[in-house]
């Protein structure tokens, strides 16, 4: 498979401007003048037009043309015609529900497996795993299935932090992922911090960025993975 997919943990790092830290990470997947397609379905709290404008402005240094799938009468044809696809963050349940509603899951998977570059951040990264069962989002809608694109053959948990606010008695992220591995001890979870990304090129997988990632798998809990590591063994 000629997969070329970049899964970004987040659209920002600290106080950085929207998507600015991602530009040089995305650039190797693009060529100037290409027509890329943005999927804004995860954006619940803003209009799709507003979301598109925000992404176009942030990624202007790449010199690619970005349209949104909501602008096309035939979303399947829009995916067929795109040189690459961008999938934004927001609510993962809403994103997956819309992709199922328009019957786009199989087509996106097929095109990505046949070399169309894919870039996702936050929710757009969540859907590249086996399922969305380890998303951090609230299930505001009920998709037909939790099964995701399967670009990565494991679970992905972006925005990872195990910080517990003083006085807060809810579960930490690590405790939540422990629950997942107890129910499904066979499926690994890789959690990536903000500023990090996973880049799959064919049968190679690289952790991008200096931040530590973490593995949760059966009895292995919060096992550190050094930044910029080769994770190809997880494919």
C-alpha atoms as a PDB file:
ATOM      1  CA  UNK A   1       0.000   0.000   0.000  1.00  0.00           C
ATOM      2  CA  UNK A   2       1.303   3.448  -0.936  1.00  0.00           C
ATOM      3  CA  UNK A   3      -0.144   5.249   2.064  1.00  0.00           C
ATOM      4  CA  UNK A   4       1.144   8.766   2.757  1.00  0.00           C
ATOM      5  CA  UNK A   5      -0.726  10.031   5.815  1.00  0.00           C
ATOM      6  CA  UNK A   6       0.113  12.587   8.478  1.00  0.00           C
ATOM      7  CA  UNK A   7      -1.785  12.435  11.765  1.00  0.00           C
ATOM      8  CA  UNK A   8      -1.280  15.625  13.794  1.00  0.00           C
ATOM      9  CA  UNK A   9      -2.179  15.649  17.462  1.00  0.00           C
ATOM     10  CA  UNK A  10      -3.504  19.211  17.450  1.00  0.00           C
ATOM     11  CA  UNK A  11      -3.955  22.397  15.438  1.00  0.00           C
ATOM     12  CA  UNK A  12      -1.874  24.404  17.899  1.00  0.00           C
ATOM     13  CA  UNK A  13       1.063  24.041  20.266  1.00  0.00           C
ATOM     14  CA  UNK A  14       0.746  26.193  23.358  1.00  0.00           C
ATOM     15  CA  UNK A  15      -0.073  29.746  22.294  1.00  0.00           C
ATOM     16  CA  UNK A  16       0.934  29.313  18.647  1.00  0.00           C
ATOM     17  CA  UNK A  17      -1.354  30.594  15.919  1.00  0.00           C
ATOM     18  CA  UNK A  18      -3.747  28.198  14.230  1.00  0.00           C
ATOM     19  CA  UNK A  19      -1.936  25.432  12.292  1.00  0.00           C
ATOM     20  CA  UNK A  20       1.322  27.416  12.068  1.00  0.00           C
ATOM     21  CA  UNK A  21       3.404  24.621  13.572  1.00  0.00           C
ATOM     22  CA  UNK A  22       1.952  22.164  11.059  1.00  0.00           C
ATOM     23  CA  UNK A  23       2.945  23.936   7.830  1.00  0.00           C
ATOM     24  CA  UNK A  24       6.442  22.465   7.536  1.00  0.00           C
ATOM     25  CA  UNK A  25       5.149  19.050   8.591  1.00  0.00           C
ATOM     26  CA  UNK A  26       2.490  19.103   5.865  1.00  0.00           C
ATOM     27  CA  UNK A  27       4.733  20.540   3.142  1.00  0.00           C
ATOM     28  CA  UNK A  28       6.438  17.232   2.170  1.00  0.00           C
ATOM     29  CA  UNK A  29       3.025  15.769   1.302  1.00  0.00           C
ATOM     30  CA  UNK A  30       2.149  18.621  -1.075  1.00  0.00           C
ATOM     31  CA  UNK A  31       3.217  20.159  -4.350  1.00  0.00           C
ATOM     32  CA  UNK A  32       2.588  23.830  -5.210  1.00  0.00           C
ATOM     33  CA  UNK A  33      -0.575  24.410  -7.220  1.00  0.00           C
ATOM     34  CA  UNK A  34      -2.273  21.158  -6.235  1.00  0.00           C
ATOM     35  CA  UNK A  35      -6.015  21.062  -5.538  1.00  0.00           C
ATOM     36  CA  UNK A  36      -6.649  19.775  -2.003  1.00  0.00           C
ATOM     37  CA  UNK A  37      -9.996  18.979  -0.422  1.00  0.00           C
ATOM     38  CA  UNK A  38     -10.864  20.007   3.136  1.00  0.00           C
ATOM     39  CA  UNK A  39     -13.426  18.074   5.173  1.00  0.00           C
ATOM     40  CA  UNK A  40     -14.895  20.357   7.869  1.00  0.00           C
ATOM     41  CA  UNK A  41     -17.526  17.970   9.259  1.00  0.00           C
ATOM     42  CA  UNK A  42     -16.020  17.906  12.771  1.00  0.00           C
ATOM     43  CA  UNK A  43     -16.517  21.656  13.105  1.00  0.00           C
ATOM     44  CA  UNK A  44     -19.741  21.925  15.074  1.00  0.00           C
ATOM     45  CA  UNK A  45     -19.359  25.383  16.600  1.00  0.00           C
ATOM     46  CA  UNK A  46     -18.548  27.279  13.371  1.00  0.00           C
ATOM     47  CA  UNK A  47     -19.920  27.273   9.852  1.00  0.00           C
ATOM     48  CA  UNK A  48     -18.166  25.222   7.204  1.00  0.00           C
ATOM     49  CA  UNK A  49     -17.410  28.429   5.272  1.00  0.00           C
ATOM     50  CA  UNK A  50     -15.750  29.969   8.325  1.00  0.00           C
ATOM     51  CA  UNK A  51     -13.765  26.802   8.940  1.00  0.00           C
ATOM     52  CA  UNK A  52     -12.555  26.681   5.345  1.00  0.00           C
ATOM     53  CA  UNK A  53     -11.430  30.320   5.428  1.00  0.00           C
ATOM     54  CA  UNK A  54      -9.515  29.686   8.631  1.00  0.00           C
ATOM     55  CA  UNK A  55      -7.679  26.690   7.152  1.00  0.00           C
ATOM     56  CA  UNK A  56      -6.966  28.428   3.842  1.00  0.00           C
ATOM     57  CA  UNK A  57      -5.387  31.385   5.643  1.00  0.00           C
ATOM     58  CA  UNK A  58      -3.275  29.211   7.924  1.00  0.00           C
ATOM     59  CA  UNK A  59      -1.964  26.980   5.122  1.00  0.00           C
ATOM     60  CA  UNK A  60      -1.414  29.739   2.546  1.00  0.00           C
ATOM     61  CA  UNK A  61       2.402  29.282   2.741  1.00  0.00           C
ATOM     62  CA  UNK A  62       1.999  25.836   1.138  1.00  0.00           C
ATOM     63  CA  UNK A  63       0.777  27.384  -2.138  1.00  0.00           C
ATOM     64  CA  UNK A  64      -1.941  24.783  -2.608  1.00  0.00           C
ATOM     65  CA  UNK A  65      -5.575  25.414  -3.555  1.00  0.00           C
ATOM     66  CA  UNK A  66      -7.986  24.306  -0.831  1.00  0.00           C
ATOM     67  CA  UNK A  67     -11.707  23.789  -1.377  1.00  0.00           C
ATOM     68  CA  UNK A  68     -14.198  22.297   1.051  1.00  0.00           C
ATOM     69  CA  UNK A  69     -16.249  19.209   0.401  1.00  0.00           C
ATOM     70  CA  UNK A  70     -19.441  21.061   1.354  1.00  0.00           C
ATOM     71  CA  UNK A  71     -19.032  23.256  -1.734  1.00  0.00           C
ATOM     72  CA  UNK A  72     -19.523  20.312  -4.103  1.00  0.00           C
ATOM     73  CA  UNK A  73     -22.828  18.801  -5.207  1.00  0.00           C
ATOM     74  CA  UNK A  74     -21.136  15.405  -5.469  1.00  0.00           C
ATOM     75  CA  UNK A  75     -18.829  14.818  -2.473  1.00  0.00           C
ATOM     76  CA  UNK A  76     -17.632  11.462  -3.823  1.00  0.00           C
ATOM     77  CA  UNK A  77     -16.468  13.049  -7.056  1.00  0.00           C
ATOM     78  CA  UNK A  78     -14.747  15.788  -5.057  1.00  0.00           C
ATOM     79  CA  UNK A  79     -12.717  13.132  -3.252  1.00  0.00           C
ATOM     80  CA  UNK A  80     -11.939  11.399  -6.543  1.00  0.00           C
ATOM     81  CA  UNK A  81     -10.661  14.638  -8.071  1.00  0.00           C
ATOM     82  CA  UNK A  82      -8.575  15.822  -5.094  1.00  0.00           C
ATOM     83  CA  UNK A  83      -4.791  15.658  -5.049  1.00  0.00           C
ATOM     84  CA  UNK A  84      -4.915  15.366  -1.273  1.00  0.00           C
ATOM     85  CA  UNK A  85      -7.308  15.545   1.630  1.00  0.00           C
ATOM     86  CA  UNK A  86      -7.303  17.611   4.833  1.00  0.00           C
ATOM     87  CA  UNK A  87      -9.571  16.565   7.715  1.00  0.00           C
ATOM     88  CA  UNK A  88      -9.980  19.104  10.500  1.00  0.00           C
ATOM     89  CA  UNK A  89     -10.526  18.836  14.213  1.00  0.00           C
ATOM     90  CA  UNK A  90     -13.644  19.257  16.281  1.00  0.00           C
ATOM     91  CA  UNK A  91     -16.026  16.542  17.384  1.00  0.00           C
ATOM     92  CA  UNK A  92     -14.993  13.067  16.252  1.00  0.00           C
ATOM     93  CA  UNK A  93     -18.491  11.577  16.574  1.00  0.00           C
ATOM     94  CA  UNK A  94     -19.979  14.261  14.343  1.00  0.00           C
ATOM     95  CA  UNK A  95     -17.159  13.837  11.819  1.00  0.00           C
ATOM     96  CA  UNK A  96     -17.570  10.081  11.576  1.00  0.00           C
ATOM     97  CA  UNK A  97     -21.350  10.335  11.454  1.00  0.00           C
ATOM     98  CA  UNK A  98     -21.225  12.694   8.465  1.00  0.00           C
ATOM     99  CA  UNK A  99     -18.693  10.531   6.625  1.00  0.00           C
ATOM    100  CA  UNK A 100     -21.013   7.560   7.040  1.00  0.00           C
ATOM    101  CA  UNK A 101     -24.051   9.635   6.095  1.00  0.00           C
ATOM    102  CA  UNK A 102     -22.506  10.578   2.756  1.00  0.00           C
ATOM    103  CA  UNK A 103     -21.062   7.062   2.290  1.00  0.00           C
ATOM    104  CA  UNK A 104     -17.482   8.345   2.046  1.00  0.00           C
ATOM    105  CA  UNK A 105     -15.578   6.012   4.361  1.00  0.00           C
ATOM    106  CA  UNK A 106     -14.733   3.306   1.844  1.00  0.00           C
ATOM    107  CA  UNK A 107     -13.799   5.820  -0.856  1.00  0.00           C
ATOM    108  CA  UNK A 108     -11.437   7.784   1.400  1.00  0.00           C
ATOM    109  CA  UNK A 109      -9.782   4.576   2.590  1.00  0.00           C
ATOM    110  CA  UNK A 110      -9.394   3.348  -0.987  1.00  0.00           C
ATOM    111  CA  UNK A 111      -7.870   6.598  -2.239  1.00  0.00           C
ATOM    112  CA  UNK A 112      -5.466   6.859   0.715  1.00  0.00           C
ATOM    113  CA  UNK A 113      -4.358   3.249   0.197  1.00  0.00           C
ATOM    114  CA  UNK A 114      -3.641   4.191  -3.413  1.00  0.00           C
ATOM    115  CA  UNK A 115      -1.296   7.069  -2.576  1.00  0.00           C
ATOM    116  CA  UNK A 116      -3.577  10.124  -2.110  1.00  0.00           C
ATOM    117  CA  UNK A 117      -1.960  12.124   0.726  1.00  0.00           C
ATOM    118  CA  UNK A 118      -4.042  12.481   3.886  1.00  0.00           C
ATOM    119  CA  UNK A 119      -3.556  15.100   6.607  1.00  0.00           C
ATOM    120  CA  UNK A 120      -5.676  15.124   9.742  1.00  0.00           C
ATOM    121  CA  UNK A 121      -5.525  16.904  13.054  1.00  0.00           C
ATOM    122  CA  UNK A 122      -7.327  16.104  16.306  1.00  0.00           C
ATOM    123  CA  UNK A 123     -10.642  14.526  15.206  1.00  0.00           C
ATOM    124  CA  UNK A 124      -9.195  14.182  11.718  1.00  0.00           C
ATOM    125  CA  UNK A 125      -6.435  12.064  13.231  1.00  0.00           C
ATOM    126  CA  UNK A 126      -8.777  10.118  15.489  1.00  0.00           C
ATOM    127  CA  UNK A 127     -10.598   8.625  12.512  1.00  0.00           C
ATOM    128  CA  UNK A 128      -7.402   7.183  11.032  1.00  0.00           C
ATOM    129  CA  UNK A 129      -7.227   4.481  13.711  1.00  0.00           C
ATOM    130  CA  UNK A 130      -9.083   1.194  13.943  1.00  0.00           C
ATOM    131  CA  UNK A 131     -12.037   2.893  15.613  1.00  0.00           C
ATOM    132  CA  UNK A 132     -12.904   6.080  17.484  1.00  0.00           C
ATOM    133  CA  UNK A 133     -13.339   4.259  20.802  1.00  0.00           C
ATOM    134  CA  UNK A 134     -10.446   6.202  22.361  1.00  0.00           C
ATOM    135  CA  UNK A 135     -11.447   9.686  21.264  1.00  0.00           C
ATOM    136  CA  UNK A 136     -11.612  12.354  23.973  1.00  0.00           C
ATOM    137  CA  UNK A 137     -14.838  13.831  22.599  1.00  0.00           C
ATOM    138  CA  UNK A 138     -18.404  13.795  23.858  1.00  0.00           C
ATOM    139  CA  UNK A 139     -20.732  11.527  21.831  1.00  0.00           C
ATOM    140  CA  UNK A 140     -23.066  14.310  20.699  1.00  0.00           C
ATOM    141  CA  UNK A 141     -24.370  12.097  17.873  1.00  0.00           C
ATOM    142  CA  UNK A 142     -24.494   8.329  17.340  1.00  0.00           C
ATOM    143  CA  UNK A 143     -22.667   7.204  14.183  1.00  0.00           C
ATOM    144  CA  UNK A 144     -23.784   3.964  12.518  1.00  0.00           C
ATOM    145  CA  UNK A 145     -20.483   2.432  13.638  1.00  0.00           C
ATOM    146  CA  UNK A 146     -17.388   3.372  15.632  1.00  0.00           C
ATOM    147  CA  UNK A 147     -15.232   1.680  12.979  1.00  0.00           C
ATOM    148  CA  UNK A 148     -12.876   4.239  11.473  1.00  0.00           C
ATOM    149  CA  UNK A 149     -10.613   4.425   8.407  1.00  0.00           C
ATOM    150  CA  UNK A 150      -7.995   1.949   9.597  1.00  0.00           C
ATOM    151  CA  UNK A 151      -5.074   3.868   8.094  1.00  0.00           C
ATOM    152  CA  UNK A 152      -3.404   2.965  11.376  1.00  0.00           C
ATOM    153  CA  UNK A 153      -4.053  -0.583  12.671  1.00  0.00           C
ATOM    154  CA  UNK A 154      -4.335   0.540  16.289  1.00  0.00           C
ATOM    155  CA  UNK A 155      -6.130   3.121  18.394  1.00  0.00           C
ATOM    156  CA  UNK A 156      -4.901   6.713  18.385  1.00  0.00           C
ATOM    157  CA  UNK A 157      -5.347   9.166  21.252  1.00  0.00           C
ATOM    158  CA  UNK A 158      -4.361  12.749  20.312  1.00  0.00           C
ATOM    159  CA  UNK A 159      -3.946  15.658  22.753  1.00  0.00           C
ATOM    160  CA  UNK A 160      -2.528  13.226  25.303  1.00  0.00           C
ATOM    161  CA  UNK A 161      -1.909  14.545  28.788  1.00  0.00           C
ATOM    162  CA  UNK A 162      -2.168  12.785  32.104  1.00  0.00           C
ATOM    163  CA  UNK A 163      -2.363  15.992  34.092  1.00  0.00           C
ATOM    164  CA  UNK A 164      -4.907  15.962  36.900  1.00  0.00           C
ATOM    165  CA  UNK A 165      -6.074  19.357  38.083  1.00  0.00           C
ATOM    166  CA  UNK A 166      -5.828  19.761  41.873  1.00  0.00           C
ATOM    167  CA  UNK A 167      -9.191  19.086  43.495  1.00  0.00           C
ATOM    168  CA  UNK A 168     -10.560  17.337  40.403  1.00  0.00           C
ATOM    169  CA  UNK A 169     -11.626  13.775  41.190  1.00  0.00           C
ATOM    170  CA  UNK A 170     -12.468  12.524  37.712  1.00  0.00           C
ATOM    171  CA  UNK A 171     -10.392   9.902  35.948  1.00  0.00           C
ATOM    172  CA  UNK A 172      -7.117  10.831  34.301  1.00  0.00           C
ATOM    173  CA  UNK A 173      -6.557  10.075  30.621  1.00  0.00           C
ATOM    174  CA  UNK A 174      -4.313   7.138  31.561  1.00  0.00           C
ATOM    175  CA  UNK A 175      -7.103   5.687  33.693  1.00  0.00           C
ATOM    176  CA  UNK A 176      -9.547   5.991  30.817  1.00  0.00           C
ATOM    177  CA  UNK A 177      -7.143   4.244  28.456  1.00  0.00           C
ATOM    178  CA  UNK A 178      -6.581   1.533  31.051  1.00  0.00           C
ATOM    179  CA  UNK A 179     -10.328   0.895  30.923  1.00  0.00           C
ATOM    180  CA  UNK A 180     -10.076   0.446  27.159  1.00  0.00           C
ATOM    181  CA  UNK A 181      -7.197  -2.011  27.400  1.00  0.00           C
ATOM    182  CA  UNK A 182      -9.022  -4.049  30.042  1.00  0.00           C
ATOM    183  CA  UNK A 183     -12.043  -4.392  27.747  1.00  0.00           C
ATOM    184  CA  UNK A 184      -9.894  -4.868  24.620  1.00  0.00           C
ATOM    185  CA  UNK A 185      -6.455  -6.147  25.693  1.00  0.00           C
ATOM    186  CA  UNK A 186      -5.458  -7.096  22.131  1.00  0.00           C
ATOM    187  CA  UNK A 187      -5.664  -3.626  20.559  1.00  0.00           C
ATOM    188  CA  UNK A 188      -2.790  -1.197  21.182  1.00  0.00           C
ATOM    189  CA  UNK A 189      -3.362   2.502  21.854  1.00  0.00           C
ATOM    190  CA  UNK A 190      -0.722   5.078  20.993  1.00  0.00           C
ATOM    191  CA  UNK A 191      -1.219   8.426  22.687  1.00  0.00           C
ATOM    192  CA  UNK A 192       0.537  11.483  21.244  1.00  0.00           C
ATOM    193  CA  UNK A 193       1.046  14.848  22.878  1.00  0.00           C
ATOM    194  CA  UNK A 194       0.362  18.234  21.328  1.00  0.00           C
ATOM    195  CA  UNK A 195       3.134  19.233  18.953  1.00  0.00           C
ATOM    196  CA  UNK A 196       3.558  15.614  17.855  1.00  0.00           C
ATOM    197  CA  UNK A 197       2.394  13.719  14.803  1.00  0.00           C
ATOM    198  CA  UNK A 198       2.501  10.271  13.263  1.00  0.00           C
ATOM    199  CA  UNK A 199       3.599  10.000   9.636  1.00  0.00           C
ATOM    200  CA  UNK A 200       2.836   6.802   7.767  1.00  0.00           C
ATOM    201  CA  UNK A 201       4.620   6.310   4.455  1.00  0.00           C
ATOM    202  CA  UNK A 202       3.889   2.909   3.005  1.00  0.00           C
ATOM    203  CA  UNK A 203       4.966   0.351   5.581  1.00  0.00           C
ATOM    204  CA  UNK A 204       6.922   2.817   7.710  1.00  0.00           C
ATOM    205  CA  UNK A 205       5.574   4.817  10.634  1.00  0.00           C
ATOM    206  CA  UNK A 206       7.439   7.661  12.307  1.00  0.00           C
ATOM    207  CA  UNK A 207       6.680   9.620  15.469  1.00  0.00           C
ATOM    208  CA  UNK A 208       7.359  13.227  14.508  1.00  0.00           C
ATOM    209  CA  UNK A 209       8.448  15.739  17.133  1.00  0.00           C
ATOM    210  CA  UNK A 210      10.470  15.719  20.332  1.00  0.00           C
ATOM    211  CA  UNK A 211       7.551  14.990  22.656  1.00  0.00           C
ATOM    212  CA  UNK A 212       7.235  11.551  24.225  1.00  0.00           C
ATOM    213  CA  UNK A 213       4.377   9.340  23.075  1.00  0.00           C
ATOM    214  CA  UNK A 214       2.831   6.574  25.177  1.00  0.00           C
ATOM    215  CA  UNK A 215       1.779   2.997  24.516  1.00  0.00           C
ATOM    216  CA  UNK A 216      -1.176   1.322  26.223  1.00  0.00           C
ATOM    217  CA  UNK A 217      -1.591  -2.367  25.374  1.00  0.00           C
ATOM    218  CA  UNK A 218      -3.000  -5.021  27.677  1.00  0.00           C
ATOM    219  CA  UNK A 219      -0.987  -4.893  30.887  1.00  0.00           C
ATOM    220  CA  UNK A 220       1.469  -2.394  29.383  1.00  0.00           C
ATOM    221  CA  UNK A 221       0.329   1.006  30.575  1.00  0.00           C
ATOM    222  CA  UNK A 222       1.757   4.414  29.670  1.00  0.00           C
ATOM    223  CA  UNK A 223       4.975   2.958  28.245  1.00  0.00           C
ATOM    224  CA  UNK A 224       7.141   5.834  27.020  1.00  0.00           C
ATOM    225  CA  UNK A 225       8.040   6.108  23.334  1.00  0.00           C
ATOM    226  CA  UNK A 226      10.838   8.586  22.673  1.00  0.00           C
ATOM    227  CA  UNK A 227      10.191  11.458  20.296  1.00  0.00           C
ATOM    228  CA  UNK A 228      11.158  10.945  16.646  1.00  0.00           C
ATOM    229  CA  UNK A 229      11.002   7.161  17.038  1.00  0.00           C
ATOM    230  CA  UNK A 230      10.406   4.596  14.315  1.00  0.00           C
ATOM    231  CA  UNK A 231       7.075   2.899  15.072  1.00  0.00           C
ATOM    232  CA  UNK A 232       6.957   0.693  11.986  1.00  0.00           C
ATOM    233  CA  UNK A 233       6.686  -2.424  14.165  1.00  0.00           C
ATOM    234  CA  UNK A 234       3.139  -1.328  15.056  1.00  0.00           C
ATOM    235  CA  UNK A 235       1.952  -1.612  11.453  1.00  0.00           C
END
